[in-house]
Amino acid sequence: MRPAHDRSDALSQPALLEIPRCAGTSGTTRPGPDRGPLPGNPTGCRPVAQPSGQARPQRAPAIAHRRGRVQDPQPGRPEPQRRATGRRHCPAPETHGAADSRSRRQGHHWPAAGKRAGDPALSAPYILVLYYSRNGSTNEMARQIARGVEQAGLEARLRTVPAISAECEAVTPDIPDSGALYASLDDLKHCSGLALGSPTRFGNMAAPLKYFLDGTSNLWLTGALVGKPAGVFTSTASLHGGQEATLLSMMLPLLHHGMLITGLPYSESALLETRGGGTPYGASHHAGADGKSPLDEHEIALCRALGLRLAKTALRLENGRG
């Protein structure tokens, strides 16, 4: 039995101390004066005594992965305007020019406070020219289509998608350094019409564009694109490299969205005279084996005709709804 003075000393002891765990270990220590580590504490780091009334250090907020990207889980936190809807991958997409880069540095691409990109209050009706380009040929076609759209008095909004790879991810910036900005679902949702372009990949559109379209199920569920005009365009390395098959396959998701497909009629004389690209299903370009052949005069004319036709159709539909 312990002496009485030992019991009184125990009663006058200060409040118990709380001992936090060592980061990365179990925090288990051996009882006794040497307080050596147990097997669960291989680093042997000594715990630091801390009064029980003091707040425990806060743990860093958790992070979550969404579509292959690390995301902050705080609800309502705004995202950058041009964050792509899908996963970021490498290699980084090609660049096309410096005009958009200057606009980015000056901050012209950011929406006004309280507004999101694609908000109807931010812009007049526009045709979305959405494309993926590897060597620049499809990009040049997109710019010619945009000129055709502008001939009808509508805005042409050029947007692209990032390249994808199975080997690495989360390396492409949210806003590309130059060239067209990355498309968002708002760009697609609020457009008055769509021109969709891609180089051919074995008779189909390229994977980056397909990846973007696979993420548009919410727009399909709400019918956001129903009744809007759409056209397609492509480029190939060889003259018979699958242009028409690619154009037809690109129409399929647009038909599922209820869009109205706009082709090129034979009233366009360039469609009868061309020795390169050009089909009634949409504009096309023969880029050559190195992908560097420029658009010829007929291909340029047909690209502009497609843009003009899309814009005029969109205006007629808008006026009819009004």
C-alpha atoms as a PDB file:
ATOM      1  CA  MET A   1       0.000   0.000   0.000  1.00  0.00           C
ATOM      2  CA  ARG A   2       1.373   3.484  -1.007  1.00  0.00           C
ATOM      3  CA  PRO A   3       2.075   6.070   1.713  1.00  0.00           C
ATOM      4  CA  ALA A   4      -0.470   8.828   2.274  1.00  0.00           C
ATOM      5  CA  HIS A   5       1.812  11.592   0.991  1.00  0.00           C
ATOM      6  CA  ASP A   6       2.130   9.790  -2.350  1.00  0.00           C
ATOM      7  CA  ARG A   7      -1.647   9.805  -2.777  1.00  0.00           C
ATOM      8  CA  SER A   8      -1.896  13.533  -1.975  1.00  0.00           C
ATOM      9  CA  ASP A   9       0.872  14.333  -4.495  1.00  0.00           C
ATOM     10  CA  ALA A  10      -1.079  12.466  -7.154  1.00  0.00           C
ATOM     11  CA  LEU A  11      -4.214  14.494  -6.397  1.00  0.00           C
ATOM     12  CA  SER A  12      -2.351  17.780  -6.803  1.00  0.00           C
ATOM     13  CA  GLN A  13      -0.906  16.861 -10.209  1.00  0.00           C
ATOM     14  CA  PRO A  14      -1.717  19.261 -13.117  1.00  0.00           C
ATOM     15  CA  ALA A  15      -4.208  18.351 -15.822  1.00  0.00           C
ATOM     16  CA  LEU A  16      -3.278  15.474 -18.096  1.00  0.00           C
ATOM     17  CA  LEU A  17      -1.298  16.363 -21.200  1.00  0.00           C
ATOM     18  CA  GLU A  18      -2.485  15.381 -24.661  1.00  0.00           C
ATOM     19  CA  ILE A  19       0.209  13.817 -26.822  1.00  0.00           C
ATOM     20  CA  PRO A  20      -0.408  14.066 -30.575  1.00  0.00           C
ATOM     21  CA  ARG A  21       0.795  11.409 -32.953  1.00  0.00           C
ATOM     22  CA  CYS A  22       3.945  11.858 -34.980  1.00  0.00           C
ATOM     23  CA  ALA A  23       3.161  12.547 -38.630  1.00  0.00           C
ATOM     24  CA  GLY A  24       3.537   9.402 -40.691  1.00  0.00           C
ATOM     25  CA  THR A  25       3.708   7.026 -37.654  1.00  0.00           C
ATOM     26  CA  SER A  26       1.284   5.324 -35.331  1.00  0.00           C
ATOM     27  CA  GLY A  27       2.261   7.587 -32.419  1.00  0.00           C
ATOM     28  CA  THR A  28       2.749   4.573 -30.099  1.00  0.00           C
ATOM     29  CA  THR A  29       5.555   4.973 -27.512  1.00  0.00           C
ATOM     30  CA  ARG A  30       7.037   2.563 -25.012  1.00  0.00           C
ATOM     31  CA  PRO A  31       6.020   3.255 -21.400  1.00  0.00           C
ATOM     32  CA  GLY A  32       8.834   3.977 -18.971  1.00  0.00           C
ATOM     33  CA  PRO A  33      11.555   6.570 -18.529  1.00  0.00           C
ATOM     34  CA  ASP A  34      13.370   5.927 -21.815  1.00  0.00           C
ATOM     35  CA  ARG A  35      10.126   6.118 -23.926  1.00  0.00           C
ATOM     36  CA  GLY A  36      11.753   4.259 -26.788  1.00  0.00           C
ATOM     37  CA  PRO A  37       9.819   3.424 -29.936  1.00  0.00           C
ATOM     38  CA  LEU A  38       7.637   0.369 -30.335  1.00  0.00           C
ATOM     39  CA  PRO A  39       7.552  -1.525 -33.662  1.00  0.00           C
ATOM     40  CA  GLY A  40       4.665   0.664 -34.843  1.00  0.00           C
ATOM     41  CA  ASN A  41       6.835   3.801 -34.541  1.00  0.00           C
ATOM     42  CA  PRO A  42       9.907   2.999 -36.685  1.00  0.00           C
ATOM     43  CA  THR A  43      11.175   6.563 -36.860  1.00  0.00           C
ATOM     44  CA  GLY A  44      11.544   6.839 -33.124  1.00  0.00           C
ATOM     45  CA  CYS A  45      10.380  10.454 -33.095  1.00  0.00           C
ATOM     46  CA  ARG A  46       9.434  11.688 -29.635  1.00  0.00           C
ATOM     47  CA  PRO A  47       5.909  13.043 -29.062  1.00  0.00           C
ATOM     48  CA  VAL A  48       5.546  16.671 -28.063  1.00  0.00           C
ATOM     49  CA  ALA A  49       3.499  17.352 -24.960  1.00  0.00           C
ATOM     50  CA  GLN A  50       0.596  19.715 -25.471  1.00  0.00           C
ATOM     51  CA  PRO A  51      -1.912  21.044 -22.931  1.00  0.00           C
ATOM     52  CA  SER A  52      -5.360  19.527 -23.318  1.00  0.00           C
ATOM     53  CA  GLY A  53      -6.958  22.980 -23.590  1.00  0.00           C
ATOM     54  CA  GLN A  54      -4.903  23.938 -26.671  1.00  0.00           C
ATOM     55  CA  ALA A  55      -6.481  23.384 -30.085  1.00  0.00           C
ATOM     56  CA  ARG A  56      -5.103  20.462 -32.027  1.00  0.00           C
ATOM     57  CA  PRO A  57      -3.350  21.445 -35.277  1.00  0.00           C
ATOM     58  CA  GLN A  58      -5.780  21.453 -38.174  1.00  0.00           C
ATOM     59  CA  ARG A  59      -5.362  18.785 -40.818  1.00  0.00           C
ATOM     60  CA  ALA A  60      -4.888  20.011 -44.376  1.00  0.00           C
ATOM     61  CA  PRO A  61      -8.173  19.941 -46.307  1.00  0.00           C
ATOM     62  CA  ALA A  62      -8.811  16.797 -48.250  1.00  0.00           C
ATOM     63  CA  ILE A  63      -8.586  16.759 -51.980  1.00  0.00           C
ATOM     64  CA  ALA A  64     -10.602  14.732 -54.425  1.00  0.00           C
ATOM     65  CA  HIS A  65     -10.001  13.450 -57.894  1.00  0.00           C
ATOM     66  CA  ARG A  66     -12.592  14.239 -60.506  1.00  0.00           C
ATOM     67  CA  ARG A  67     -12.190  12.996 -64.056  1.00  0.00           C
ATOM     68  CA  GLY A  68      -8.506  12.439 -63.512  1.00  0.00           C
ATOM     69  CA  ARG A  69      -7.766  15.919 -62.082  1.00  0.00           C
ATOM     70  CA  VAL A  70      -7.095  16.961 -58.537  1.00  0.00           C
ATOM     71  CA  GLN A  71      -9.918  19.230 -57.466  1.00  0.00           C
ATOM     72  CA  ASP A  72     -10.588  21.350 -54.385  1.00  0.00           C
ATOM     73  CA  PRO A  73     -13.784  19.890 -52.855  1.00  0.00           C
ATOM     74  CA  GLN A  74     -15.002  23.178 -51.390  1.00  0.00           C
ATOM     75  CA  PRO A  75     -18.511  23.715 -52.797  1.00  0.00           C
ATOM     76  CA  GLY A  76     -19.132  26.851 -54.773  1.00  0.00           C
ATOM     77  CA  ARG A  77     -15.480  27.554 -55.399  1.00  0.00           C
ATOM     78  CA  PRO A  78     -15.198  29.153 -58.885  1.00  0.00           C
ATOM     79  CA  GLU A  79     -13.126  27.434 -61.535  1.00  0.00           C
ATOM     80  CA  PRO A  80     -11.022  29.093 -64.234  1.00  0.00           C
ATOM     81  CA  GLN A  81     -12.996  30.031 -67.293  1.00  0.00           C
ATOM     82  CA  ARG A  82     -11.284  27.712 -69.664  1.00  0.00           C
ATOM     83  CA  ARG A  83     -10.908  24.574 -67.624  1.00  0.00           C
ATOM     84  CA  ALA A  84     -11.544  21.710 -69.991  1.00  0.00           C
ATOM     85  CA  THR A  85     -14.415  19.419 -69.084  1.00  0.00           C
ATOM     86  CA  GLY A  86     -12.276  16.333 -69.128  1.00  0.00           C
ATOM     87  CA  ARG A  87      -8.880  15.146 -68.047  1.00  0.00           C
ATOM     88  CA  ARG A  88      -5.720  17.059 -68.845  1.00  0.00           C
ATOM     89  CA  HIS A  89      -3.190  15.044 -70.748  1.00  0.00           C
ATOM     90  CA  CYS A  90       0.128  15.386 -72.504  1.00  0.00           C
ATOM     91  CA  PRO A  91       1.535  16.191 -74.970  1.00  0.00           C
ATOM     92  CA  ALA A  92       0.432  19.818 -74.882  1.00  0.00           C
ATOM     93  CA  PRO A  93      -1.656  20.956 -77.856  1.00  0.00           C
ATOM     94  CA  GLU A  94      -0.091  22.729 -80.782  1.00  0.00           C
ATOM     95  CA  THR A  95      -0.005  26.502 -80.920  1.00  0.00           C
ATOM     96  CA  HIS A  96      -1.321  28.581 -83.777  1.00  0.00           C
ATOM     97  CA  GLY A  97      -0.754  32.294 -83.217  1.00  0.00           C
ATOM     98  CA  ALA A  98      -0.007  35.184 -80.923  1.00  0.00           C
ATOM     99  CA  ALA A  99      -3.208  37.269 -81.067  1.00  0.00           C
ATOM    100  CA  ASP A 100      -5.076  35.171 -78.509  1.00  0.00           C
ATOM    101  CA  SER A 101      -1.937  35.008 -76.353  1.00  0.00           C
ATOM    102  CA  ARG A 102      -1.837  38.809 -76.106  1.00  0.00           C
ATOM    103  CA  SER A 103      -5.516  38.835 -75.173  1.00  0.00           C
ATOM    104  CA  ARG A 104      -4.857  36.295 -72.421  1.00  0.00           C
ATOM    105  CA  ARG A 105      -2.023  38.347 -70.939  1.00  0.00           C
ATOM    106  CA  GLN A 106      -4.290  41.400 -70.906  1.00  0.00           C
ATOM    107  CA  GLY A 107      -7.059  39.425 -69.185  1.00  0.00           C
ATOM    108  CA  HIS A 108      -9.629  39.864 -71.975  1.00  0.00           C
ATOM    109  CA  HIS A 109     -10.691  36.221 -71.840  1.00  0.00           C
ATOM    110  CA  TRP A 110     -11.959  36.340 -68.258  1.00  0.00           C
ATOM    111  CA  PRO A 111     -15.706  36.896 -67.649  1.00  0.00           C
ATOM    112  CA  ALA A 112     -17.007  39.860 -65.700  1.00  0.00           C
ATOM    113  CA  ALA A 113     -17.475  39.516 -61.959  1.00  0.00           C
ATOM    114  CA  GLY A 114     -20.393  37.269 -61.109  1.00  0.00           C
ATOM    115  CA  LYS A 115     -20.621  35.956 -64.670  1.00  0.00           C
ATOM    116  CA  ARG A 116     -19.559  32.627 -66.132  1.00  0.00           C
ATOM    117  CA  ALA A 117     -18.196  31.998 -69.591  1.00  0.00           C
ATOM    118  CA  GLY A 118     -21.009  31.402 -72.051  1.00  0.00           C
ATOM    119  CA  ASP A 119     -23.566  33.347 -70.010  1.00  0.00           C
ATOM    120  CA  PRO A 120     -26.150  34.656 -72.513  1.00  0.00           C
ATOM    121  CA  ALA A 121     -25.821  38.101 -70.933  1.00  0.00           C
ATOM    122  CA  LEU A 122     -22.165  38.244 -71.931  1.00  0.00           C
ATOM    123  CA  SER A 123     -22.484  38.021 -75.704  1.00  0.00           C
ATOM    124  CA  ALA A 124     -24.718  38.207 -78.741  1.00  0.00           C
ATOM    125  CA  PRO A 125     -25.717  35.032 -80.631  1.00  0.00           C
ATOM    126  CA  TYR A 126     -22.694  33.178 -81.991  1.00  0.00           C
ATOM    127  CA  ILE A 127     -21.681  30.119 -83.973  1.00  0.00           C
ATOM    128  CA  LEU A 128     -19.305  27.838 -82.075  1.00  0.00           C
ATOM    129  CA  VAL A 129     -16.464  26.554 -84.276  1.00  0.00           C
ATOM    130  CA  LEU A 130     -15.186  23.652 -82.197  1.00  0.00           C
ATOM    131  CA  TYR A 131     -12.236  21.621 -83.474  1.00  0.00           C
ATOM    132  CA  TYR A 132      -9.129  19.598 -82.716  1.00  0.00           C
ATOM    133  CA  SER A 133      -6.006  20.132 -84.821  1.00  0.00           C
ATOM    134  CA  ARG A 134      -2.703  18.290 -84.652  1.00  0.00           C
ATOM    135  CA  ASN A 135      -0.666  19.860 -87.458  1.00  0.00           C
ATOM    136  CA  GLY A 136      -2.623  23.039 -88.133  1.00  0.00           C
ATOM    137  CA  SER A 137      -4.703  22.059 -91.175  1.00  0.00           C
ATOM    138  CA  THR A 138      -7.987  21.692 -89.304  1.00  0.00           C
ATOM    139  CA  ASN A 139      -7.205  24.891 -87.438  1.00  0.00           C
ATOM    140  CA  GLU A 140      -6.894  26.789 -90.729  1.00  0.00           C
ATOM    141  CA  MET A 141     -10.184  25.307 -91.921  1.00  0.00           C
ATOM    142  CA  ALA A 142     -11.823  26.505 -88.692  1.00  0.00           C
ATOM    143  CA  ARG A 143     -10.593  30.048 -89.315  1.00  0.00           C
ATOM    144  CA  GLN A 144     -11.972  30.050 -92.860  1.00  0.00           C
ATOM    145  CA  ILE A 145     -15.333  28.782 -91.585  1.00  0.00           C
ATOM    146  CA  ALA A 146     -15.298  31.593 -89.019  1.00  0.00           C
ATOM    147  CA  ARG A 147     -14.880  34.119 -91.825  1.00  0.00           C
ATOM    148  CA  GLY A 148     -17.945  32.706 -93.526  1.00  0.00           C
ATOM    149  CA  VAL A 149     -19.923  33.034 -90.298  1.00  0.00           C
ATOM    150  CA  GLU A 150     -18.888  36.669 -89.953  1.00  0.00           C
ATOM    151  CA  GLN A 151     -20.051  37.407 -93.509  1.00  0.00           C
ATOM    152  CA  ALA A 152     -23.594  36.781 -92.263  1.00  0.00           C
ATOM    153  CA  GLY A 153     -23.134  39.223 -89.382  1.00  0.00           C
ATOM    154  CA  LEU A 154     -22.808  36.672 -86.574  1.00  0.00           C
ATOM    155  CA  GLU A 155     -19.926  36.180 -84.168  1.00  0.00           C
ATOM    156  CA  ALA A 156     -17.754  33.096 -84.715  1.00  0.00           C
ATOM    157  CA  ARG A 157     -16.370  31.676 -81.473  1.00  0.00           C
ATOM    158  CA  LEU A 158     -13.263  29.528 -82.091  1.00  0.00           C
ATOM    159  CA  ARG A 159     -12.657  26.848 -79.465  1.00  0.00           C
ATOM    160  CA  THR A 160     -10.445  23.760 -79.302  1.00  0.00           C
ATOM    161  CA  VAL A 161      -9.854  20.791 -76.977  1.00  0.00           C
ATOM    162  CA  PRO A 162      -6.608  19.584 -75.341  1.00  0.00           C
ATOM    163  CA  ALA A 163      -4.644  16.628 -76.634  1.00  0.00           C
ATOM    164  CA  ILE A 164      -4.931  13.381 -74.694  1.00  0.00           C
ATOM    165  CA  SER A 165      -2.498  10.602 -73.841  1.00  0.00           C
ATOM    166  CA  ALA A 166      -2.691   7.367 -71.861  1.00  0.00           C
ATOM    167  CA  GLU A 167       0.730   7.952 -70.320  1.00  0.00           C
ATOM    168  CA  CYS A 168       0.446  11.187 -68.358  1.00  0.00           C
ATOM    169  CA  GLU A 169      -2.157  13.659 -67.202  1.00  0.00           C
ATOM    170  CA  ALA A 170      -2.720  16.952 -65.377  1.00  0.00           C
ATOM    171  CA  VAL A 171       0.092  18.673 -67.274  1.00  0.00           C
ATOM    172  CA  THR A 172      -1.761  20.892 -69.735  1.00  0.00           C
ATOM    173  CA  PRO A 173      -2.569  24.385 -68.422  1.00  0.00           C
ATOM    174  CA  ASP A 174      -6.204  25.372 -67.956  1.00  0.00           C
ATOM    175  CA  ILE A 175      -5.701  28.162 -70.501  1.00  0.00           C
ATOM    176  CA  PRO A 176      -3.442  27.425 -73.498  1.00  0.00           C
ATOM    177  CA  ASP A 177      -0.589  29.867 -74.062  1.00  0.00           C
ATOM    178  CA  SER A 178      -1.723  30.649 -77.618  1.00  0.00           C
ATOM    179  CA  GLY A 179      -4.268  29.647 -80.238  1.00  0.00           C
ATOM    180  CA  ALA A 180      -7.956  29.099 -79.560  1.00  0.00           C
ATOM    181  CA  LEU A 181      -9.164  28.701 -75.988  1.00  0.00           C
ATOM    182  CA  TYR A 182     -10.372  25.363 -74.674  1.00  0.00           C
ATOM    183  CA  ALA A 183     -14.090  24.788 -75.048  1.00  0.00           C
ATOM    184  CA  SER A 184     -16.431  24.605 -72.078  1.00  0.00           C
ATOM    185  CA  LEU A 185     -19.889  23.088 -71.892  1.00  0.00           C
ATOM    186  CA  ASP A 186     -21.269  26.625 -71.587  1.00  0.00           C
ATOM    187  CA  ASP A 187     -19.770  27.485 -74.984  1.00  0.00           C
ATOM    188  CA  LEU A 188     -21.701  24.593 -76.486  1.00  0.00           C
ATOM    189  CA  LYS A 189     -24.880  25.114 -74.479  1.00  0.00           C
ATOM    190  CA  HIS A 190     -25.415  28.749 -75.459  1.00  0.00           C
ATOM    191  CA  CYS A 191     -24.310  28.637 -79.100  1.00  0.00           C
ATOM    192  CA  SER A 192     -26.766  29.362 -81.910  1.00  0.00           C
ATOM    193  CA  GLY A 193     -25.077  26.802 -84.161  1.00  0.00           C
ATOM    194  CA  LEU A 194     -22.064  24.489 -84.259  1.00  0.00           C
ATOM    195  CA  ALA A 195     -19.277  23.727 -86.725  1.00  0.00           C
ATOM    196  CA  LEU A 196     -17.415  20.612 -85.572  1.00  0.00           C
ATOM    197  CA  GLY A 197     -14.008  19.757 -87.035  1.00  0.00           C
ATOM    198  CA  SER A 198     -11.360  17.063 -86.650  1.00  0.00           C
ATOM    199  CA  PRO A 199      -8.616  15.336 -88.620  1.00  0.00           C
ATOM    200  CA  THR A 200      -9.577  11.805 -89.584  1.00  0.00           C
ATOM    201  CA  ARG A 201      -8.537   8.848 -87.445  1.00  0.00           C
ATOM    202  CA  PHE A 202      -9.341   5.642 -89.345  1.00  0.00           C
ATOM    203  CA  GLY A 203     -12.634   7.054 -90.582  1.00  0.00           C
ATOM    204  CA  ASN A 204     -13.562   8.618 -87.241  1.00  0.00           C
ATOM    205  CA  MET A 205     -12.990  11.879 -85.402  1.00  0.00           C
ATOM    206  CA  ALA A 206      -9.861  12.219 -83.254  1.00  0.00           C
ATOM    207  CA  ALA A 207      -9.992  10.995 -79.649  1.00  0.00           C
ATOM    208  CA  PRO A 208      -9.695  14.450 -77.968  1.00  0.00           C
ATOM    209  CA  LEU A 209     -12.852  15.704 -79.675  1.00  0.00           C
ATOM    210  CA  LYS A 210     -14.711  12.465 -78.974  1.00  0.00           C
ATOM    211  CA  TYR A 211     -13.635  12.718 -75.329  1.00  0.00           C
ATOM    212  CA  PHE A 212     -15.166  16.194 -75.091  1.00  0.00           C
ATOM    213  CA  LEU A 213     -18.435  15.093 -76.704  1.00  0.00           C
ATOM    214  CA  ASP A 214     -18.658  12.096 -74.372  1.00  0.00           C
ATOM    215  CA  GLY A 215     -18.946  14.585 -71.503  1.00  0.00           C
ATOM    216  CA  THR A 216     -22.016  16.376 -72.905  1.00  0.00           C
ATOM    217  CA  SER A 217     -24.660  14.049 -71.463  1.00  0.00           C
ATOM    218  CA  ASN A 218     -26.118  16.838 -69.286  1.00  0.00           C
ATOM    219  CA  LEU A 219     -26.788  18.899 -72.410  1.00  0.00           C
ATOM    220  CA  TRP A 220     -28.441  15.867 -73.988  1.00  0.00           C
ATOM    221  CA  LEU A 221     -30.624  15.293 -70.921  1.00  0.00           C
ATOM    222  CA  THR A 222     -31.843  18.894 -70.941  1.00  0.00           C
ATOM    223  CA  GLY A 223     -32.216  19.142 -74.734  1.00  0.00           C
ATOM    224  CA  ALA A 224     -29.966  22.200 -74.822  1.00  0.00           C
ATOM    225  CA  LEU A 225     -28.908  21.633 -78.451  1.00  0.00           C
ATOM    226  CA  VAL A 226     -32.203  20.467 -79.925  1.00  0.00           C
ATOM    227  CA  GLY A 227     -33.144  22.348 -83.100  1.00  0.00           C
ATOM    228  CA  LYS A 228     -29.798  24.119 -83.563  1.00  0.00           C
ATOM    229  CA  PRO A 229     -27.950  23.868 -86.902  1.00  0.00           C
ATOM    230  CA  ALA A 230     -24.628  22.025 -87.105  1.00  0.00           C
ATOM    231  CA  GLY A 231     -22.018  21.289 -89.762  1.00  0.00           C
ATOM    232  CA  VAL A 232     -18.849  19.188 -89.844  1.00  0.00           C
ATOM    233  CA  PHE A 233     -15.403  19.467 -91.444  1.00  0.00           C
ATOM    234  CA  THR A 234     -12.246  17.344 -91.618  1.00  0.00           C
ATOM    235  CA  SER A 235      -8.767  17.033 -93.124  1.00  0.00           C
ATOM    236  CA  THR A 236      -6.828  13.955 -94.258  1.00  0.00           C
ATOM    237  CA  ALA A 237      -3.279  13.105 -95.301  1.00  0.00           C
ATOM    238  CA  SER A 238      -4.413  11.306 -98.460  1.00  0.00           C
ATOM    239  CA  LEU A 239      -7.118  12.186-100.945  1.00  0.00           C
ATOM    240  CA  HIS A 240      -9.111   9.044-100.188  1.00  0.00           C
ATOM    241  CA  GLY A 241      -8.158   8.834 -96.513  1.00  0.00           C
ATOM    242  CA  GLY A 242     -11.667   8.559 -95.101  1.00  0.00           C
ATOM    243  CA  GLN A 243     -13.003  12.099 -95.454  1.00  0.00           C
ATOM    244  CA  GLU A 244     -16.628  11.183 -96.034  1.00  0.00           C
ATOM    245  CA  ALA A 245     -16.627   8.387 -93.424  1.00  0.00           C
ATOM    246  CA  THR A 246     -15.211  10.808 -90.856  1.00  0.00           C
ATOM    247  CA  LEU A 247     -17.781  13.479 -91.663  1.00  0.00           C
ATOM    248  CA  LEU A 248     -20.640  10.993 -91.400  1.00  0.00           C
ATOM    249  CA  SER A 249     -19.385   9.583 -88.090  1.00  0.00           C
ATOM    250  CA  MET A 250     -19.068  13.104 -86.664  1.00  0.00           C
ATOM    251  CA  MET A 251     -22.741  13.706 -87.412  1.00  0.00           C
ATOM    252  CA  LEU A 252     -23.917  10.849 -85.175  1.00  0.00           C
ATOM    253  CA  PRO A 253     -23.531  12.488 -81.730  1.00  0.00           C
ATOM    254  CA  LEU A 254     -24.989  15.707 -83.153  1.00  0.00           C
ATOM    255  CA  LEU A 255     -28.072  13.827 -84.337  1.00  0.00           C
ATOM    256  CA  HIS A 256     -28.423  12.307 -80.860  1.00  0.00           C
ATOM    257  CA  HIS A 257     -28.463  15.863 -79.511  1.00  0.00           C
ATOM    258  CA  GLY A 258     -31.284  16.735 -81.912  1.00  0.00           C
ATOM    259  CA  MET A 259     -29.231  19.160 -84.000  1.00  0.00           C
ATOM    260  CA  LEU A 260     -30.084  19.975 -87.618  1.00  0.00           C
ATOM    261  CA  ILE A 261     -27.261  18.863 -89.921  1.00  0.00           C
ATOM    262  CA  THR A 262     -26.269  21.426 -92.540  1.00  0.00           C
ATOM    263  CA  GLY A 263     -24.184  20.157 -95.455  1.00  0.00           C
ATOM    264  CA  LEU A 264     -22.935  21.781 -98.646  1.00  0.00           C
ATOM    265  CA  PRO A 265     -25.322  21.869-101.630  1.00  0.00           C
ATOM    266  CA  TYR A 266     -24.153  21.427-105.221  1.00  0.00           C
ATOM    267  CA  SER A 267     -25.291  24.961-105.885  1.00  0.00           C
ATOM    268  CA  GLU A 268     -21.797  25.779-104.598  1.00  0.00           C
ATOM    269  CA  SER A 269     -19.771  25.710-107.818  1.00  0.00           C
ATOM    270  CA  ALA A 270     -16.552  24.871-105.960  1.00  0.00           C
ATOM    271  CA  LEU A 271     -18.062  21.521-105.011  1.00  0.00           C
ATOM    272  CA  LEU A 272     -18.151  20.552-108.698  1.00  0.00           C
ATOM    273  CA  GLU A 273     -14.772  22.037-109.581  1.00  0.00           C
ATOM    274  CA  THR A 274     -12.606  20.902-106.655  1.00  0.00           C
ATOM    275  CA  ARG A 275      -9.665  18.544-107.227  1.00  0.00           C
ATOM    276  CA  GLY A 276      -8.870  18.396-103.517  1.00  0.00           C
ATOM    277  CA  GLY A 277     -11.269  18.372-100.598  1.00  0.00           C
ATOM    278  CA  GLY A 278     -14.953  19.171-100.566  1.00  0.00           C
ATOM    279  CA  THR A 279     -18.024  16.950-100.113  1.00  0.00           C
ATOM    280  CA  PRO A 280     -21.782  17.458 -99.803  1.00  0.00           C
ATOM    281  CA  TYR A 281     -21.491  16.159 -96.213  1.00  0.00           C
ATOM    282  CA  GLY A 282     -19.224  19.009 -95.136  1.00  0.00           C
ATOM    283  CA  ALA A 283     -15.979  20.838 -95.871  1.00  0.00           C
ATOM    284  CA  SER A 284     -12.761  18.823 -96.181  1.00  0.00           C
ATOM    285  CA  HIS A 285      -9.087  19.308 -96.995  1.00  0.00           C
ATOM    286  CA  HIS A 286      -6.331  17.160 -98.493  1.00  0.00           C
ATOM    287  CA  ALA A 287      -3.350  18.092 -96.289  1.00  0.00           C
ATOM    288  CA  GLY A 288      -0.758  15.766 -97.864  1.00  0.00           C
ATOM    289  CA  ALA A 289       1.479  13.157 -96.257  1.00  0.00           C
ATOM    290  CA  ASP A 290       3.369  15.761 -94.219  1.00  0.00           C
ATOM    291  CA  GLY A 291       0.168  17.576 -93.232  1.00  0.00           C
ATOM    292  CA  LYS A 292       1.517  20.890 -94.525  1.00  0.00           C
ATOM    293  CA  SER A 293      -0.281  21.388 -97.835  1.00  0.00           C
ATOM    294  CA  PRO A 294      -2.199  24.694 -97.705  1.00  0.00           C
ATOM    295  CA  LEU A 295      -5.889  24.930 -98.482  1.00  0.00           C
ATOM    296  CA  ASP A 296      -6.530  25.535-102.170  1.00  0.00           C
ATOM    297  CA  GLU A 297      -9.020  28.080-103.479  1.00  0.00           C
ATOM    298  CA  HIS A 298     -11.877  25.584-103.735  1.00  0.00           C
ATOM    299  CA  GLU A 299     -11.352  24.261-100.215  1.00  0.00           C
ATOM    300  CA  ILE A 300     -11.277  27.812 -98.851  1.00  0.00           C
ATOM    301  CA  ALA A 301     -14.466  28.684-100.734  1.00  0.00           C
ATOM    302  CA  LEU A 302     -16.263  25.616 -99.385  1.00  0.00           C
ATOM    303  CA  CYS A 303     -15.151  26.288 -95.798  1.00  0.00           C
ATOM    304  CA  ARG A 304     -16.489  29.824 -96.003  1.00  0.00           C
ATOM    305  CA  ALA A 305     -19.676  28.576 -97.658  1.00  0.00           C
ATOM    306  CA  LEU A 306     -20.248  26.165 -94.771  1.00  0.00           C
ATOM    307  CA  GLY A 307     -19.796  28.939 -92.199  1.00  0.00           C
ATOM    308  CA  LEU A 308     -22.092  31.296 -94.102  1.00  0.00           C
ATOM    309  CA  ARG A 309     -24.746  28.603 -94.493  1.00  0.00           C
ATOM    310  CA  LEU A 310     -24.638  27.758 -90.782  1.00  0.00           C
ATOM    311  CA  ALA A 311     -24.968  31.403 -89.761  1.00  0.00           C
ATOM    312  CA  LYS A 312     -27.860  32.109 -92.141  1.00  0.00           C
ATOM    313  CA  THR A 313     -29.686  28.995 -90.971  1.00  0.00           C
ATOM    314  CA  ALA A 314     -29.196  29.993 -87.330  1.00  0.00           C
ATOM    315  CA  LEU A 315     -30.553  33.487 -88.021  1.00  0.00           C
ATOM    316  CA  ARG A 316     -33.629  32.110 -89.789  1.00  0.00           C
ATOM    317  CA  LEU A 317     -34.314  29.756 -86.895  1.00  0.00           C
ATOM    318  CA  GLU A 318     -33.864  32.545 -84.346  1.00  0.00           C
ATOM    319  CA  ASN A 319     -36.226  34.831 -86.266  1.00  0.00           C
ATOM    320  CA  GLY A 320     -38.754  32.027 -86.556  1.00  0.00           C
ATOM    321  CA  ARG A 321     -38.696  31.447 -82.805  1.00  0.00           C
ATOM    322  CA  GLY A 322     -39.140  35.172 -82.184  1.00  0.00           C
END
